[in-house]
Amino acid sequence: MDKRKADILKIINDNYDEEKLHEKLNKRIERFEQKYSEELSEYMYIDYSDLLSKVHVGGYIRYVNYNNELRWGGILLEIKDIDTRDAKLMLKNTSNNIWMIKFSKNYVFYRKHTTYNDKLRELFISYVGIK
């Protein structure tokens, strides 16, 4: 049995190419962004490292499940089990329904919550011509 496990691990390691996997993922994300261009226009794809650094509670989540179906998601209330690679996101929609999704089972897109002051600041900057 140990020889069989070793053979299986060798096959897996020989066929594992991180560059190819990363390239496939990028192509898939580009296809989602093209297919759902209007729905994901202000959203950015996040991977696990982004989950730790760029995602904040109160932001908006949309996600594509493994059946390639876009889900509207909702407001991010909480990130659970972040120390594991199987983090769970607690979401709430406008109907006050609350549910959890597994980060590892979906392609997650995030948009920062923009307040009235953020919009006013952007308008002022564009008017003044600073940017």
N, C-alpha and C. Protein backbone atom coordinates (compact mmCIF):
# COMPACT_ATOMS: atom_id res chain seq x y z
N MET A 1 0.82 -1.20 0.00
CA MET A 1 0.00 0.00 0.00
C MET A 1 0.86 1.26 0.00
N ASP A 2 2.00 1.25 0.69
CA ASP A 2 2.87 2.42 0.73
C ASP A 2 3.46 2.72 -0.64
N LYS A 3 3.78 1.69 -1.41
CA LYS A 3 4.31 1.90 -2.76
C LYS A 3 3.24 2.53 -3.64
N ARG A 4 2.01 2.08 -3.48
CA ARG A 4 0.91 2.64 -4.27
C ARG A 4 0.71 4.12 -3.95
N LYS A 5 0.73 4.48 -2.68
CA LYS A 5 0.60 5.88 -2.28
C LYS A 5 1.75 6.70 -2.84
N ALA A 6 2.94 6.16 -2.77
CA ALA A 6 4.11 6.86 -3.30
C ALA A 6 3.98 7.08 -4.80
N ASP A 7 3.47 6.06 -5.51
CA ASP A 7 3.27 6.19 -6.96
C ASP A 7 2.23 7.26 -7.28
N ILE A 8 1.15 7.27 -6.51
CA ILE A 8 0.10 8.27 -6.72
C ILE A 8 0.64 9.67 -6.46
N LEU A 9 1.37 9.85 -5.37
CA LEU A 9 1.94 11.16 -5.06
C LEU A 9 2.93 11.61 -6.13
N LYS A 10 3.70 10.67 -6.66
CA LYS A 10 4.65 11.00 -7.73
C LYS A 10 3.91 11.49 -8.96
N ILE A 11 2.82 10.81 -9.34
CA ILE A 11 2.03 11.22 -10.50
C ILE A 11 1.45 12.62 -10.28
N ILE A 12 0.92 12.85 -9.09
CA ILE A 12 0.34 14.16 -8.78
C ILE A 12 1.41 15.24 -8.85
N ASN A 13 2.55 15.00 -8.23
CA ASN A 13 3.63 16.00 -8.22
C ASN A 13 4.19 16.24 -9.60
N ASP A 14 4.26 15.20 -10.43
CA ASP A 14 4.78 15.36 -11.79
C ASP A 14 3.83 16.18 -12.65
N ASN A 15 2.54 16.06 -12.39
CA ASN A 15 1.55 16.77 -13.22
C ASN A 15 1.13 18.12 -12.64
N TYR A 16 1.60 18.43 -11.47
CA TYR A 16 1.24 19.69 -10.82
C TYR A 16 2.14 20.79 -11.34
N ASP A 17 1.56 21.72 -12.02
CA ASP A 17 2.30 22.86 -12.56
C ASP A 17 1.57 24.12 -12.10
N GLU A 18 2.15 24.82 -11.15
CA GLU A 18 1.50 25.97 -10.56
C GLU A 18 1.24 27.07 -11.58
N GLU A 19 2.15 27.24 -12.53
CA GLU A 19 1.97 28.25 -13.55
C GLU A 19 0.74 27.97 -14.41
N LYS A 20 0.56 26.70 -14.80
CA LYS A 20 -0.60 26.33 -15.60
C LYS A 20 -1.89 26.55 -14.83
N LEU A 21 -1.89 26.18 -13.56
CA LEU A 21 -3.08 26.37 -12.73
C LEU A 21 -3.42 27.85 -12.60
N HIS A 22 -2.41 28.67 -12.39
CA HIS A 22 -2.61 30.11 -12.25
C HIS A 22 -3.12 30.70 -13.57
N GLU A 23 -2.58 30.22 -14.68
CA GLU A 23 -3.02 30.68 -16.01
C GLU A 23 -4.47 30.29 -16.27
N LYS A 24 -4.84 29.05 -15.92
CA LYS A 24 -6.23 28.60 -16.08
C LYS A 24 -7.18 29.45 -15.24
N LEU A 25 -6.78 29.73 -14.01
CA LEU A 25 -7.61 30.54 -13.13
C LEU A 25 -7.80 31.94 -13.71
N ASN A 26 -6.72 32.54 -14.20
CA ASN A 26 -6.82 33.88 -14.79
C ASN A 26 -7.74 33.90 -16.00
N LYS A 27 -7.66 32.87 -16.84
CA LYS A 27 -8.55 32.78 -18.00
C LYS A 27 -10.00 32.65 -17.57
N ARG A 28 -10.23 31.83 -16.55
CA ARG A 28 -11.60 31.64 -16.05
C ARG A 28 -12.15 32.95 -15.49
N ILE A 29 -11.34 33.69 -14.73
CA ILE A 29 -11.78 34.96 -14.15
C ILE A 29 -12.07 35.96 -15.27
N GLU A 30 -11.22 35.99 -16.30
CA GLU A 30 -11.46 36.89 -17.44
C GLU A 30 -12.77 36.55 -18.14
N ARG A 31 -13.06 35.26 -18.28
CA ARG A 31 -14.33 34.84 -18.89
C ARG A 31 -15.52 35.31 -18.06
N PHE A 32 -15.41 35.18 -16.73
CA PHE A 32 -16.48 35.66 -15.85
C PHE A 32 -16.67 37.16 -16.01
N GLU A 33 -15.55 37.89 -16.04
CA GLU A 33 -15.62 39.34 -16.14
C GLU A 33 -16.20 39.78 -17.49
N GLN A 34 -15.97 39.00 -18.54
CA GLN A 34 -16.57 39.30 -19.84
C GLN A 34 -18.06 38.92 -19.86
N LYS A 35 -18.35 37.74 -19.37
CA LYS A 35 -19.73 37.24 -19.38
C LYS A 35 -20.65 38.10 -18.52
N TYR A 36 -20.15 38.50 -17.35
CA TYR A 36 -20.94 39.29 -16.40
C TYR A 36 -20.34 40.69 -16.27
N SER A 37 -19.99 41.31 -17.39
CA SER A 37 -19.27 42.59 -17.36
C SER A 37 -20.06 43.68 -16.65
N GLU A 38 -21.34 43.74 -16.87
CA GLU A 38 -22.15 44.78 -16.23
C GLU A 38 -22.29 44.52 -14.73
N GLU A 39 -22.54 43.27 -14.36
CA GLU A 39 -22.77 42.93 -12.96
C GLU A 39 -21.50 43.02 -12.11
N LEU A 40 -20.33 42.80 -12.72
CA LEU A 40 -19.07 42.82 -11.98
C LEU A 40 -18.22 44.04 -12.30
N SER A 41 -18.82 45.09 -12.85
CA SER A 41 -18.04 46.23 -13.34
C SER A 41 -17.22 46.92 -12.25
N GLU A 42 -17.74 47.04 -11.06
CA GLU A 42 -17.00 47.73 -9.99
C GLU A 42 -16.39 46.75 -8.99
N TYR A 43 -16.45 45.48 -9.30
CA TYR A 43 -15.96 44.45 -8.38
C TYR A 43 -14.60 43.94 -8.84
N MET A 44 -13.79 43.48 -7.89
CA MET A 44 -12.51 42.87 -8.23
C MET A 44 -12.47 41.46 -7.67
N TYR A 45 -11.84 40.58 -8.42
CA TYR A 45 -11.69 39.20 -7.96
C TYR A 45 -10.72 39.17 -6.80
N ILE A 46 -11.03 38.38 -5.79
CA ILE A 46 -10.12 38.25 -4.66
C ILE A 46 -9.74 36.79 -4.47
N ASP A 47 -8.47 36.57 -4.19
CA ASP A 47 -8.03 35.23 -3.83
C ASP A 47 -7.78 35.22 -2.32
N TYR A 48 -7.23 34.13 -1.82
CA TYR A 48 -7.10 33.99 -0.37
C TYR A 48 -6.20 35.07 0.23
N SER A 49 -5.11 35.43 -0.45
CA SER A 49 -4.22 36.46 0.10
C SER A 49 -4.91 37.82 0.14
N ASP A 50 -5.77 38.10 -0.85
CA ASP A 50 -6.55 39.34 -0.83
C ASP A 50 -7.58 39.33 0.29
N LEU A 51 -8.10 38.16 0.59
CA LEU A 51 -9.08 38.04 1.66
C LEU A 51 -8.50 38.56 2.97
N LEU A 52 -7.23 38.30 3.18
CA LEU A 52 -6.58 38.72 4.41
C LEU A 52 -6.24 40.21 4.41
N SER A 53 -5.95 40.78 3.24
CA SER A 53 -5.44 42.15 3.22
C SER A 53 -6.41 43.21 2.70
N LYS A 54 -7.23 42.89 1.71
CA LYS A 54 -8.03 43.92 1.04
C LYS A 54 -9.51 43.90 1.38
N VAL A 55 -10.00 42.80 1.92
CA VAL A 55 -11.44 42.65 2.16
C VAL A 55 -11.77 43.11 3.58
N HIS A 56 -12.81 43.93 3.68
CA HIS A 56 -13.24 44.46 4.98
C HIS A 56 -14.73 44.21 5.17
N VAL A 57 -15.11 44.02 6.40
CA VAL A 57 -16.52 43.85 6.75
C VAL A 57 -17.27 45.11 6.31
N GLY A 58 -18.44 44.92 5.72
CA GLY A 58 -19.23 46.05 5.23
C GLY A 58 -19.14 46.21 3.73
N GLY A 59 -18.16 45.52 3.10
CA GLY A 59 -18.03 45.58 1.65
C GLY A 59 -19.07 44.68 1.00
N TYR A 60 -19.16 44.76 -0.31
CA TYR A 60 -20.15 43.99 -1.06
C TYR A 60 -19.50 42.80 -1.74
N ILE A 61 -20.18 41.68 -1.68
CA ILE A 61 -19.68 40.43 -2.26
C ILE A 61 -20.63 39.95 -3.34
N ARG A 62 -20.06 39.57 -4.46
CA ARG A 62 -20.76 38.78 -5.47
C ARG A 62 -19.85 37.60 -5.75
N TYR A 63 -20.44 36.48 -6.10
CA TYR A 63 -19.61 35.30 -6.31
C TYR A 63 -20.17 34.42 -7.42
N VAL A 64 -19.27 33.67 -8.02
CA VAL A 64 -19.64 32.72 -9.05
C VAL A 64 -19.37 31.34 -8.47
N ASN A 65 -20.40 30.47 -8.47
CA ASN A 65 -20.21 29.14 -7.91
C ASN A 65 -19.54 28.24 -8.95
N TYR A 66 -19.28 27.01 -8.59
CA TYR A 66 -18.58 26.10 -9.50
C TYR A 66 -19.45 25.63 -10.66
N ASN A 67 -20.73 26.01 -10.68
CA ASN A 67 -21.60 25.75 -11.82
C ASN A 67 -21.60 26.95 -12.78
N ASN A 68 -20.68 27.89 -12.54
CA ASN A 68 -20.54 29.12 -13.35
C ASN A 68 -21.78 30.00 -13.30
N GLU A 69 -22.49 29.99 -12.19
CA GLU A 69 -23.66 30.83 -12.00
C GLU A 69 -23.30 32.01 -11.10
N LEU A 70 -23.61 33.21 -11.56
CA LEU A 70 -23.35 34.40 -10.77
C LEU A 70 -24.39 34.50 -9.65
N ARG A 71 -23.92 34.72 -8.44
CA ARG A 71 -24.78 34.93 -7.28
C ARG A 71 -24.55 36.36 -6.80
N TRP A 72 -25.64 37.04 -6.48
CA TRP A 72 -25.54 38.45 -6.13
C TRP A 72 -24.91 38.68 -4.76
N GLY A 73 -24.93 37.68 -3.91
CA GLY A 73 -24.29 37.84 -2.61
C GLY A 73 -24.96 38.90 -1.77
N GLY A 74 -24.15 39.72 -1.13
CA GLY A 74 -24.69 40.76 -0.28
C GLY A 74 -23.59 41.48 0.45
N ILE A 75 -23.95 42.03 1.59
CA ILE A 75 -22.99 42.76 2.42
C ILE A 75 -22.24 41.76 3.29
N LEU A 76 -20.94 41.91 3.36
CA LEU A 76 -20.11 41.02 4.17
C LEU A 76 -20.26 41.41 5.64
N LEU A 77 -20.77 40.48 6.44
CA LEU A 77 -20.95 40.72 7.87
C LEU A 77 -19.77 40.22 8.70
N GLU A 78 -19.22 39.07 8.30
CA GLU A 78 -18.17 38.46 9.12
C GLU A 78 -17.39 37.45 8.27
N ILE A 79 -16.12 37.31 8.61
CA ILE A 79 -15.27 36.28 8.00
C ILE A 79 -14.92 35.30 9.11
N LYS A 80 -15.33 34.04 8.93
CA LYS A 80 -15.07 33.02 9.94
C LYS A 80 -14.01 32.05 9.45
N ASP A 81 -13.33 31.42 10.38
CA ASP A 81 -12.29 30.42 10.08
C ASP A 81 -11.24 30.95 9.12
N ILE A 82 -10.83 32.20 9.32
CA ILE A 82 -9.87 32.81 8.40
C ILE A 82 -8.48 32.20 8.55
N ASP A 83 -8.22 31.59 9.69
CA ASP A 83 -6.91 30.98 9.90
C ASP A 83 -6.75 29.68 9.12
N THR A 84 -7.85 29.13 8.65
CA THR A 84 -7.79 27.93 7.81
C THR A 84 -7.92 28.35 6.36
N ARG A 85 -7.62 27.45 5.44
CA ARG A 85 -7.79 27.76 4.02
C ARG A 85 -9.25 27.62 3.60
N ASP A 86 -10.12 27.28 4.54
CA ASP A 86 -11.53 27.09 4.24
C ASP A 86 -12.37 28.15 4.95
N ALA A 87 -12.04 29.41 4.70
CA ALA A 87 -12.75 30.50 5.34
C ALA A 87 -14.20 30.54 4.87
N LYS A 88 -15.06 31.03 5.75
CA LYS A 88 -16.47 31.16 5.44
C LYS A 88 -16.84 32.64 5.54
N LEU A 89 -17.64 33.09 4.59
CA LEU A 89 -18.08 34.47 4.56
C LEU A 89 -19.56 34.52 4.93
N MET A 90 -19.89 35.33 5.93
CA MET A 90 -21.29 35.52 6.31
C MET A 90 -21.80 36.75 5.58
N LEU A 91 -22.89 36.56 4.82
CA LEU A 91 -23.45 37.62 3.99
C LEU A 91 -24.88 37.93 4.39
N LYS A 92 -25.29 39.15 4.08
CA LYS A 92 -26.67 39.57 4.34
C LYS A 92 -27.15 40.35 3.13
N ASN A 93 -28.37 40.05 2.66
CA ASN A 93 -28.90 40.78 1.51
C ASN A 93 -29.92 41.83 1.95
N THR A 94 -30.52 42.49 0.98
CA THR A 94 -31.46 43.57 1.30
C THR A 94 -32.75 43.07 1.92
N SER A 95 -33.04 41.78 1.79
CA SER A 95 -34.23 41.19 2.43
C SER A 95 -33.93 40.71 3.84
N ASN A 96 -32.76 41.05 4.36
CA ASN A 96 -32.29 40.67 5.69
C ASN A 96 -32.09 39.16 5.85
N ASN A 97 -31.92 38.45 4.76
CA ASN A 97 -31.55 37.04 4.83
C ASN A 97 -30.04 36.95 5.09
N ILE A 98 -29.65 36.06 5.98
CA ILE A 98 -28.24 35.88 6.31
C ILE A 98 -27.86 34.45 5.99
N TRP A 99 -26.71 34.28 5.33
CA TRP A 99 -26.22 32.95 4.99
C TRP A 99 -24.70 32.97 4.91
N MET A 100 -24.14 31.78 4.83
CA MET A 100 -22.68 31.64 4.78
C MET A 100 -22.31 30.96 3.46
N ILE A 101 -21.16 31.37 2.90
CA ILE A 101 -20.61 30.68 1.75
C ILE A 101 -19.17 30.30 2.08
N LYS A 102 -18.72 29.21 1.51
CA LYS A 102 -17.32 28.81 1.69
C LYS A 102 -16.49 29.52 0.63
N PHE A 103 -15.44 30.16 1.07
CA PHE A 103 -14.57 30.89 0.15
C PHE A 103 -13.95 29.95 -0.88
N SER A 104 -13.59 28.75 -0.43
CA SER A 104 -12.90 27.80 -1.32
C SER A 104 -13.81 27.19 -2.37
N LYS A 105 -15.12 27.32 -2.23
CA LYS A 105 -16.07 26.70 -3.16
C LYS A 105 -16.64 27.69 -4.17
N ASN A 106 -16.14 28.93 -4.16
CA ASN A 106 -16.69 29.97 -5.04
C ASN A 106 -15.57 30.88 -5.54
N TYR A 107 -15.84 31.54 -6.65
CA TYR A 107 -14.97 32.60 -7.14
C TYR A 107 -15.58 33.89 -6.62
N VAL A 108 -14.87 34.56 -5.72
CA VAL A 108 -15.44 35.68 -4.98
C VAL A 108 -14.95 37.01 -5.55
N PHE A 109 -15.91 37.93 -5.73
CA PHE A 109 -15.62 39.29 -6.20
C PHE A 109 -16.05 40.26 -5.11
N TYR A 110 -15.28 41.32 -4.93
CA TYR A 110 -15.48 42.24 -3.81
C TYR A 110 -15.51 43.68 -4.31
N ARG A 111 -16.37 44.46 -3.67
CA ARG A 111 -16.41 45.91 -3.93
C ARG A 111 -16.46 46.61 -2.58
N LYS A 112 -15.57 47.57 -2.43
CA LYS A 112 -15.50 48.32 -1.18
C LYS A 112 -16.79 49.13 -1.00
N HIS A 113 -17.23 49.22 0.22
CA HIS A 113 -18.39 50.03 0.55
C HIS A 113 -18.04 51.50 0.33
N THR A 114 -18.84 52.19 -0.46
CA THR A 114 -18.59 53.62 -0.69
C THR A 114 -19.66 54.43 0.02
N THR A 115 -19.21 55.37 0.78
CA THR A 115 -20.12 56.22 1.55
C THR A 115 -20.44 57.48 0.75
N TYR A 116 -21.34 58.24 1.26
CA TYR A 116 -21.69 59.52 0.63
C TYR A 116 -20.47 60.42 0.58
N ASN A 117 -19.67 60.44 1.65
CA ASN A 117 -18.47 61.28 1.69
C ASN A 117 -17.45 60.85 0.63
N ASP A 118 -17.32 59.54 0.40
CA ASP A 118 -16.42 59.06 -0.64
C ASP A 118 -16.85 59.57 -2.02
N LYS A 119 -18.14 59.52 -2.28
CA LYS A 119 -18.66 59.99 -3.57
C LYS A 119 -18.47 61.49 -3.71
N LEU A 120 -18.71 62.23 -2.63
CA LEU A 120 -18.53 63.67 -2.64
C LEU A 120 -17.06 64.03 -2.89
N ARG A 121 -16.13 63.30 -2.25
CA ARG A 121 -14.70 63.52 -2.43
C ARG A 121 -14.30 63.28 -3.89
N GLU A 122 -14.79 62.20 -4.48
CA GLU A 122 -14.48 61.90 -5.88
C GLU A 122 -15.02 62.98 -6.81
N LEU A 123 -16.22 63.46 -6.53
CA LEU A 123 -16.81 64.52 -7.34
C LEU A 123 -15.98 65.80 -7.24
N PHE A 124 -15.55 66.16 -6.04
CA PHE A 124 -14.75 67.35 -5.82
C PHE A 124 -13.40 67.22 -6.54
N ILE A 125 -12.76 66.08 -6.43
CA ILE A 125 -11.46 65.86 -7.08
C ILE A 125 -11.59 65.96 -8.60
N SER A 126 -12.66 65.36 -9.14
CA SER A 126 -12.84 65.41 -10.59
C SER A 126 -13.16 66.85 -11.05
N TYR A 127 -13.89 67.59 -10.23
CA TYR A 127 -14.24 68.98 -10.57
C TYR A 127 -13.01 69.87 -10.55
N VAL A 128 -12.16 69.70 -9.54
CA VAL A 128 -10.96 70.51 -9.40
C VAL A 128 -9.91 70.09 -10.43
N GLY A 129 -9.95 68.83 -10.81
CA GLY A 129 -9.00 68.35 -11.82
C GLY A 129 -7.68 67.88 -11.24
N ILE A 130 -7.70 67.46 -9.99
CA ILE A 130 -6.47 66.99 -9.33
C ILE A 130 -6.06 65.65 -9.88
N LYS A 131 -7.01 64.78 -10.11
CA LYS A 131 -6.69 63.43 -10.60
C LYS A 131 -6.57 63.40 -12.09
